């Protein structure tokens, strides 16, 4: 069973940057795509970014495109989310997740695609 542990959240002023990390264990990391989601208080969990098992085809929600970058290091079993030009509306708990299926190449990005989730890390952006 895979375990995912996020880190790197915190409090930052608007316009600032943070880099989230998600370390995976318990499964062959390089076989699975990874995603980042976020959930603000009173709102549903929403997709942020995803990357395929081989690091290709990163995909972003429109709200973060051009500001956030997802990447992965298969040697370290870690996926990253570099967040620049942060806005107060980016405030949320950020979760990483792993695909249910190995080598998945679909273009759906709902929560149902992902089978395992981390515990989340809080990101707070002050105005």
N, C-alpha and C. Protein backbone atom coordinates (compact mmCIF):
# COMPACT_ATOMS: atom_id res chain seq x y z
N UNK A 1 0.85 -1.19 0.00
CA UNK A 1 0.00 0.00 0.00
C UNK A 1 0.88 1.24 0.00
N UNK A 2 0.53 2.19 -0.83
CA UNK A 2 1.37 3.38 -0.96
C UNK A 2 1.06 4.36 0.16
N UNK A 3 2.09 5.02 0.63
CA UNK A 3 1.95 6.11 1.59
C UNK A 3 2.48 7.38 0.95
N UNK A 4 1.75 8.47 1.16
CA UNK A 4 2.12 9.77 0.60
C UNK A 4 2.21 10.77 1.74
N UNK A 5 3.30 11.52 1.79
CA UNK A 5 3.50 12.51 2.83
C UNK A 5 3.87 13.85 2.19
N UNK A 6 2.98 14.84 2.37
CA UNK A 6 3.23 16.18 1.84
C UNK A 6 4.00 17.02 2.84
N UNK A 7 4.73 17.98 2.32
CA UNK A 7 5.43 18.95 3.15
C UNK A 7 5.64 20.22 2.35
N UNK A 8 6.03 21.29 3.06
CA UNK A 8 6.37 22.52 2.37
C UNK A 8 5.33 23.62 2.46
N UNK A 9 4.18 23.32 3.06
CA UNK A 9 3.17 24.36 3.19
C UNK A 9 3.58 25.40 4.21
N UNK A 10 2.79 26.47 4.28
CA UNK A 10 3.09 27.52 5.24
C UNK A 10 2.33 28.78 4.94
N UNK A 11 2.75 29.86 5.60
CA UNK A 11 2.13 31.18 5.44
C UNK A 11 3.05 32.03 4.57
N UNK A 12 2.48 32.65 3.55
CA UNK A 12 3.27 33.48 2.64
C UNK A 12 2.43 34.67 2.22
N UNK A 13 3.08 35.77 1.92
CA UNK A 13 2.37 36.95 1.45
C UNK A 13 2.01 36.81 -0.03
N UNK A 14 0.98 37.50 -0.43
CA UNK A 14 0.59 37.49 -1.84
C UNK A 14 1.77 37.90 -2.72
N UNK A 15 1.93 37.18 -3.81
CA UNK A 15 3.06 37.40 -4.71
C UNK A 15 4.25 36.53 -4.40
N UNK A 16 4.22 35.87 -3.26
CA UNK A 16 5.33 35.02 -2.86
C UNK A 16 5.27 33.64 -3.48
N UNK A 17 6.21 32.79 -3.06
CA UNK A 17 6.34 31.45 -3.61
C UNK A 17 6.46 30.41 -2.51
N UNK A 18 6.03 29.22 -2.83
CA UNK A 18 6.22 28.04 -1.98
C UNK A 18 6.48 26.85 -2.88
N UNK A 19 7.19 25.87 -2.34
CA UNK A 19 7.40 24.61 -3.05
C UNK A 19 6.92 23.47 -2.18
N UNK A 20 5.91 22.78 -2.64
CA UNK A 20 5.39 21.62 -1.94
C UNK A 20 6.09 20.37 -2.43
N UNK A 21 6.27 19.43 -1.53
CA UNK A 21 6.84 18.13 -1.85
C UNK A 21 5.90 17.04 -1.39
N UNK A 22 5.93 15.93 -2.08
CA UNK A 22 5.14 14.77 -1.69
C UNK A 22 6.02 13.53 -1.88
N UNK A 23 6.38 12.93 -0.77
CA UNK A 23 7.23 11.75 -0.81
C UNK A 23 6.37 10.49 -0.74
N UNK A 24 6.65 9.56 -1.65
CA UNK A 24 5.87 8.33 -1.74
C UNK A 24 6.70 7.13 -1.31
N UNK A 25 6.02 6.16 -0.74
CA UNK A 25 6.69 4.91 -0.37
C UNK A 25 5.68 3.77 -0.46
N UNK A 26 6.19 2.54 -0.54
CA UNK A 26 5.33 1.37 -0.53
C UNK A 26 4.91 0.86 -1.88
N UNK A 27 5.36 1.52 -2.95
CA UNK A 27 4.99 1.07 -4.28
C UNK A 27 6.01 1.64 -5.27
N UNK A 28 6.08 1.04 -6.46
CA UNK A 28 7.01 1.53 -7.47
C UNK A 28 6.53 2.88 -8.00
N UNK A 29 7.14 3.94 -7.49
CA UNK A 29 6.68 5.30 -7.77
C UNK A 29 6.66 5.59 -9.26
N UNK A 30 7.65 5.14 -9.99
CA UNK A 30 7.82 5.52 -11.39
C UNK A 30 6.75 4.93 -12.31
N UNK A 31 5.90 4.07 -11.82
CA UNK A 31 4.86 3.46 -12.64
C UNK A 31 3.55 4.25 -12.62
N UNK A 32 3.46 5.24 -11.75
CA UNK A 32 2.17 5.89 -11.51
C UNK A 32 2.24 7.40 -11.71
N UNK A 33 1.19 7.91 -12.36
CA UNK A 33 1.03 9.36 -12.44
C UNK A 33 0.66 9.91 -11.07
N UNK A 34 0.91 11.21 -10.93
CA UNK A 34 0.66 11.88 -9.66
C UNK A 34 -0.14 13.15 -9.90
N UNK A 35 -0.88 13.54 -8.88
CA UNK A 35 -1.65 14.77 -8.99
C UNK A 35 -1.60 15.56 -7.70
N UNK A 36 -1.93 16.85 -7.85
CA UNK A 36 -2.11 17.74 -6.69
C UNK A 36 -3.54 18.28 -6.74
N UNK A 37 -4.17 18.29 -5.60
CA UNK A 37 -5.49 18.86 -5.42
C UNK A 37 -5.43 19.84 -4.25
N UNK A 38 -6.47 20.64 -4.11
CA UNK A 38 -6.57 21.53 -2.96
C UNK A 38 -8.02 21.64 -2.52
N UNK A 39 -8.18 21.97 -1.25
CA UNK A 39 -9.52 22.12 -0.70
C UNK A 39 -9.52 23.29 0.27
N UNK A 40 -10.31 24.28 -0.05
CA UNK A 40 -10.49 25.44 0.81
C UNK A 40 -11.68 25.19 1.74
N UNK A 41 -11.75 25.89 2.87
CA UNK A 41 -12.86 25.68 3.80
C UNK A 41 -14.21 25.90 3.13
N UNK A 42 -15.10 24.94 3.31
CA UNK A 42 -16.44 25.06 2.76
C UNK A 42 -16.57 24.78 1.28
N UNK A 43 -15.46 24.36 0.66
CA UNK A 43 -15.47 24.09 -0.77
C UNK A 43 -15.08 22.64 -1.05
N UNK A 44 -15.42 22.19 -2.25
CA UNK A 44 -15.05 20.85 -2.66
C UNK A 44 -13.57 20.79 -3.02
N UNK A 45 -13.04 19.59 -2.94
CA UNK A 45 -11.66 19.39 -3.36
C UNK A 45 -11.56 19.61 -4.86
N UNK A 46 -10.56 20.38 -5.28
CA UNK A 46 -10.45 20.69 -6.70
C UNK A 46 -9.07 20.32 -7.24
N UNK A 47 -9.05 19.96 -8.50
CA UNK A 47 -7.82 19.60 -9.18
C UNK A 47 -6.92 20.82 -9.36
N UNK A 48 -5.62 20.59 -9.19
CA UNK A 48 -4.64 21.66 -9.39
C UNK A 48 -3.69 21.31 -10.54
N UNK A 49 -3.06 20.14 -10.46
CA UNK A 49 -2.06 19.78 -11.48
C UNK A 49 -1.85 18.27 -11.46
N UNK A 50 -1.38 17.74 -12.59
CA UNK A 50 -1.07 16.31 -12.67
C UNK A 50 0.11 16.10 -13.61
N UNK A 51 0.78 14.97 -13.41
CA UNK A 51 1.93 14.64 -14.25
C UNK A 51 1.95 13.13 -14.44
N UNK A 52 2.30 12.69 -15.63
CA UNK A 52 2.32 11.26 -15.92
C UNK A 52 3.51 10.56 -15.26
N UNK A 53 3.46 9.24 -15.28
CA UNK A 53 4.48 8.44 -14.60
C UNK A 53 5.90 8.76 -15.11
N UNK A 54 5.99 9.15 -16.39
CA UNK A 54 7.31 9.39 -16.98
C UNK A 54 7.69 10.88 -16.97
N UNK A 55 6.90 11.69 -16.32
CA UNK A 55 7.20 13.11 -16.24
C UNK A 55 6.68 13.92 -17.41
N UNK A 56 6.05 13.27 -18.35
CA UNK A 56 5.51 13.97 -19.52
C UNK A 56 4.11 14.52 -19.26
N UNK A 57 3.70 15.37 -20.17
CA UNK A 57 2.32 15.87 -20.23
C UNK A 57 1.82 16.45 -18.92
N UNK A 58 2.54 17.39 -18.31
CA UNK A 58 1.95 18.06 -17.14
C UNK A 58 0.69 18.80 -17.55
N UNK A 59 -0.28 18.80 -16.65
CA UNK A 59 -1.57 19.43 -16.93
C UNK A 59 -2.00 20.24 -15.73
N UNK A 60 -2.60 21.41 -15.98
CA UNK A 60 -2.92 22.34 -14.91
C UNK A 60 -4.36 22.83 -15.00
N UNK A 61 -4.90 23.12 -13.84
CA UNK A 61 -6.15 23.85 -13.80
C UNK A 61 -5.92 25.25 -14.34
N UNK A 62 -6.94 25.81 -14.97
CA UNK A 62 -6.80 27.15 -15.54
C UNK A 62 -6.41 28.18 -14.48
N UNK A 63 -6.88 27.98 -13.26
CA UNK A 63 -6.65 28.96 -12.20
C UNK A 63 -5.18 29.05 -11.78
N UNK A 64 -4.37 28.04 -12.10
CA UNK A 64 -2.97 28.06 -11.68
C UNK A 64 -2.01 28.04 -12.86
N UNK A 65 -2.51 27.91 -14.05
CA UNK A 65 -1.67 27.81 -15.24
C UNK A 65 -0.78 29.05 -15.36
N UNK A 66 0.50 28.83 -15.60
CA UNK A 66 1.45 29.92 -15.71
C UNK A 66 2.05 30.35 -14.39
N UNK A 67 1.50 29.88 -13.28
CA UNK A 67 2.02 30.24 -11.96
C UNK A 67 2.58 29.03 -11.22
N UNK A 68 1.97 27.88 -11.42
CA UNK A 68 2.39 26.66 -10.73
C UNK A 68 3.08 25.72 -11.71
N UNK A 69 4.03 24.93 -11.20
CA UNK A 69 4.72 23.93 -12.01
C UNK A 69 4.82 22.63 -11.23
N UNK A 70 4.34 21.56 -11.85
CA UNK A 70 4.45 20.24 -11.25
C UNK A 70 5.65 19.52 -11.87
N UNK A 71 6.37 18.80 -11.04
CA UNK A 71 7.52 18.02 -11.52
C UNK A 71 7.67 16.80 -10.63
N UNK A 72 8.52 15.88 -11.06
CA UNK A 72 8.74 14.68 -10.26
C UNK A 72 10.18 14.21 -10.40
N UNK A 73 10.64 13.56 -9.36
CA UNK A 73 11.96 12.94 -9.35
C UNK A 73 11.74 11.48 -9.01
N UNK A 74 11.75 10.63 -10.02
CA UNK A 74 11.46 9.21 -9.77
C UNK A 74 12.54 8.54 -8.93
N UNK A 75 13.76 9.03 -9.01
CA UNK A 75 14.83 8.46 -8.19
C UNK A 75 14.59 8.73 -6.70
N UNK A 76 13.89 9.80 -6.39
CA UNK A 76 13.60 10.16 -5.00
C UNK A 76 12.16 9.83 -4.62
N UNK A 77 11.39 9.28 -5.56
CA UNK A 77 9.97 8.95 -5.30
C UNK A 77 9.23 10.17 -4.75
N UNK A 78 9.44 11.30 -5.38
CA UNK A 78 8.88 12.55 -4.89
C UNK A 78 8.29 13.35 -6.05
N UNK A 79 7.14 13.95 -5.78
CA UNK A 79 6.55 14.88 -6.73
C UNK A 79 6.52 16.25 -6.06
N UNK A 80 6.68 17.28 -6.88
CA UNK A 80 6.78 18.65 -6.37
C UNK A 80 5.70 19.53 -7.01
N UNK A 81 5.38 20.59 -6.29
CA UNK A 81 4.53 21.63 -6.85
C UNK A 81 5.16 22.97 -6.50
N UNK A 82 5.76 23.60 -7.50
CA UNK A 82 6.32 24.94 -7.32
C UNK A 82 5.21 25.95 -7.56
N UNK A 83 4.96 26.77 -6.57
CA UNK A 83 3.87 27.74 -6.64
C UNK A 83 4.44 29.14 -6.57
N UNK A 84 4.28 29.90 -7.63
CA UNK A 84 4.76 31.27 -7.71
C UNK A 84 3.59 32.23 -7.84
N UNK A 85 3.86 33.49 -7.60
CA UNK A 85 2.83 34.54 -7.72
C UNK A 85 1.56 34.14 -6.99
N UNK A 86 1.72 33.72 -5.76
CA UNK A 86 0.58 33.22 -5.00
C UNK A 86 -0.42 34.32 -4.71
N UNK A 87 -1.68 33.91 -4.67
CA UNK A 87 -2.79 34.82 -4.43
C UNK A 87 -3.56 34.34 -3.19
N UNK A 88 -4.27 35.24 -2.53
CA UNK A 88 -5.06 34.81 -1.37
C UNK A 88 -6.03 33.68 -1.71
N UNK A 89 -6.54 33.65 -2.92
CA UNK A 89 -7.48 32.59 -3.30
C UNK A 89 -6.81 31.23 -3.48
N UNK A 90 -5.49 31.18 -3.40
CA UNK A 90 -4.78 29.90 -3.41
C UNK A 90 -4.76 29.25 -2.02
N UNK A 91 -5.23 29.96 -1.03
CA UNK A 91 -5.26 29.42 0.33
C UNK A 91 -6.13 28.17 0.40
N UNK A 92 -5.54 27.09 0.88
CA UNK A 92 -6.25 25.80 0.94
C UNK A 92 -5.32 24.76 1.58
N UNK A 93 -5.89 23.61 1.86
CA UNK A 93 -5.08 22.44 2.17
C UNK A 93 -4.77 21.75 0.84
N UNK A 94 -3.51 21.49 0.62
CA UNK A 94 -3.06 20.87 -0.63
C UNK A 94 -2.75 19.39 -0.40
N UNK A 95 -3.28 18.57 -1.29
CA UNK A 95 -3.12 17.13 -1.19
C UNK A 95 -2.43 16.58 -2.44
N UNK A 96 -1.55 15.63 -2.26
CA UNK A 96 -1.04 14.90 -3.41
C UNK A 96 -1.78 13.56 -3.48
N UNK A 97 -1.80 13.00 -4.68
CA UNK A 97 -2.51 11.75 -4.91
C UNK A 97 -1.83 10.98 -6.02
N UNK A 98 -2.03 9.67 -6.01
CA UNK A 98 -1.43 8.82 -7.03
C UNK A 98 -2.51 8.10 -7.82
N UNK A 99 -2.23 7.90 -9.12
CA UNK A 99 -3.17 7.21 -9.98
C UNK A 99 -3.52 5.83 -9.42
N UNK A 100 -4.74 5.40 -9.71
CA UNK A 100 -5.14 4.04 -9.35
C UNK A 100 -4.42 3.01 -10.22
N UNK A 101 -4.24 3.36 -11.49
CA UNK A 101 -3.70 2.41 -12.46
C UNK A 101 -2.28 2.81 -12.85
N UNK A 102 -1.39 1.81 -13.01
CA UNK A 102 -0.05 2.13 -13.51
C UNK A 102 -0.09 2.53 -14.97
N UNK A 103 0.83 3.40 -15.36
CA UNK A 103 0.99 3.82 -16.75
C UNK A 103 -0.30 4.36 -17.35
N UNK A 104 -1.08 5.04 -16.54
CA UNK A 104 -2.36 5.58 -17.00
C UNK A 104 -2.14 6.79 -17.88
N UNK A 105 -2.80 6.80 -19.04
CA UNK A 105 -2.63 7.89 -19.99
C UNK A 105 -3.89 8.66 -20.28
N UNK A 106 -4.90 8.49 -19.43
CA UNK A 106 -6.15 9.19 -19.65
C UNK A 106 -6.04 10.68 -19.41
N UNK A 107 -7.06 11.40 -19.86
CA UNK A 107 -7.08 12.87 -19.73
C UNK A 107 -8.23 13.32 -18.83
N UNK A 108 -8.60 12.46 -17.91
CA UNK A 108 -9.58 12.85 -16.90
C UNK A 108 -8.80 13.25 -15.66
N UNK A 109 -9.30 14.24 -14.94
CA UNK A 109 -8.56 14.75 -13.79
C UNK A 109 -9.44 14.91 -12.55
N UNK A 110 -10.48 14.10 -12.45
CA UNK A 110 -11.32 14.12 -11.27
C UNK A 110 -10.72 13.29 -10.15
N UNK A 111 -11.31 13.43 -8.98
CA UNK A 111 -10.77 12.71 -7.82
C UNK A 111 -10.85 11.20 -8.01
N UNK A 112 -11.80 10.72 -8.80
CA UNK A 112 -11.96 9.29 -8.99
C UNK A 112 -10.80 8.61 -9.69
N UNK A 113 -10.01 9.36 -10.39
CA UNK A 113 -8.85 8.80 -11.08
C UNK A 113 -7.78 8.36 -10.10
N UNK A 114 -7.74 8.99 -8.96
CA UNK A 114 -6.63 8.82 -8.01
C UNK A 114 -7.04 7.91 -6.85
N UNK A 115 -6.15 7.01 -6.49
CA UNK A 115 -6.52 5.99 -5.52
C UNK A 115 -6.00 6.18 -4.13
N UNK A 116 -4.90 6.90 -3.97
CA UNK A 116 -4.31 7.10 -2.65
C UNK A 116 -3.99 8.57 -2.46
N UNK A 117 -4.15 9.03 -1.23
CA UNK A 117 -4.02 10.45 -0.93
C UNK A 117 -3.12 10.66 0.28
N UNK A 118 -2.44 11.79 0.27
CA UNK A 118 -1.69 12.19 1.44
C UNK A 118 -2.60 12.85 2.47
N UNK A 119 -1.99 13.29 3.57
CA UNK A 119 -2.77 13.87 4.66
C UNK A 119 -3.00 15.36 4.45
N UNK A 120 -2.28 15.96 3.52
CA UNK A 120 -2.47 17.37 3.19
C UNK A 120 -1.50 18.28 3.92
N UNK A 121 -1.25 19.44 3.30
CA UNK A 121 -0.41 20.47 3.91
C UNK A 121 -1.09 21.81 3.69
N UNK A 122 -1.13 22.63 4.74
CA UNK A 122 -1.85 23.90 4.67
C UNK A 122 -1.00 24.96 3.97
N UNK A 123 -1.62 25.66 3.04
CA UNK A 123 -1.02 26.82 2.39
C UNK A 123 -1.93 28.01 2.66
N UNK A 124 -1.36 29.06 3.25
CA UNK A 124 -2.12 30.26 3.55
C UNK A 124 -1.42 31.45 2.92
N UNK A 125 -2.16 32.18 2.09
CA UNK A 125 -1.60 33.34 1.40
C UNK A 125 -2.30 34.58 1.93
N UNK A 126 -1.53 35.47 2.52
CA UNK A 126 -2.10 36.69 3.10
C UNK A 126 -2.04 37.82 2.09
N UNK A 127 -3.02 38.70 2.18
CA UNK A 127 -3.10 39.83 1.23
C UNK A 127 -2.33 41.03 1.73
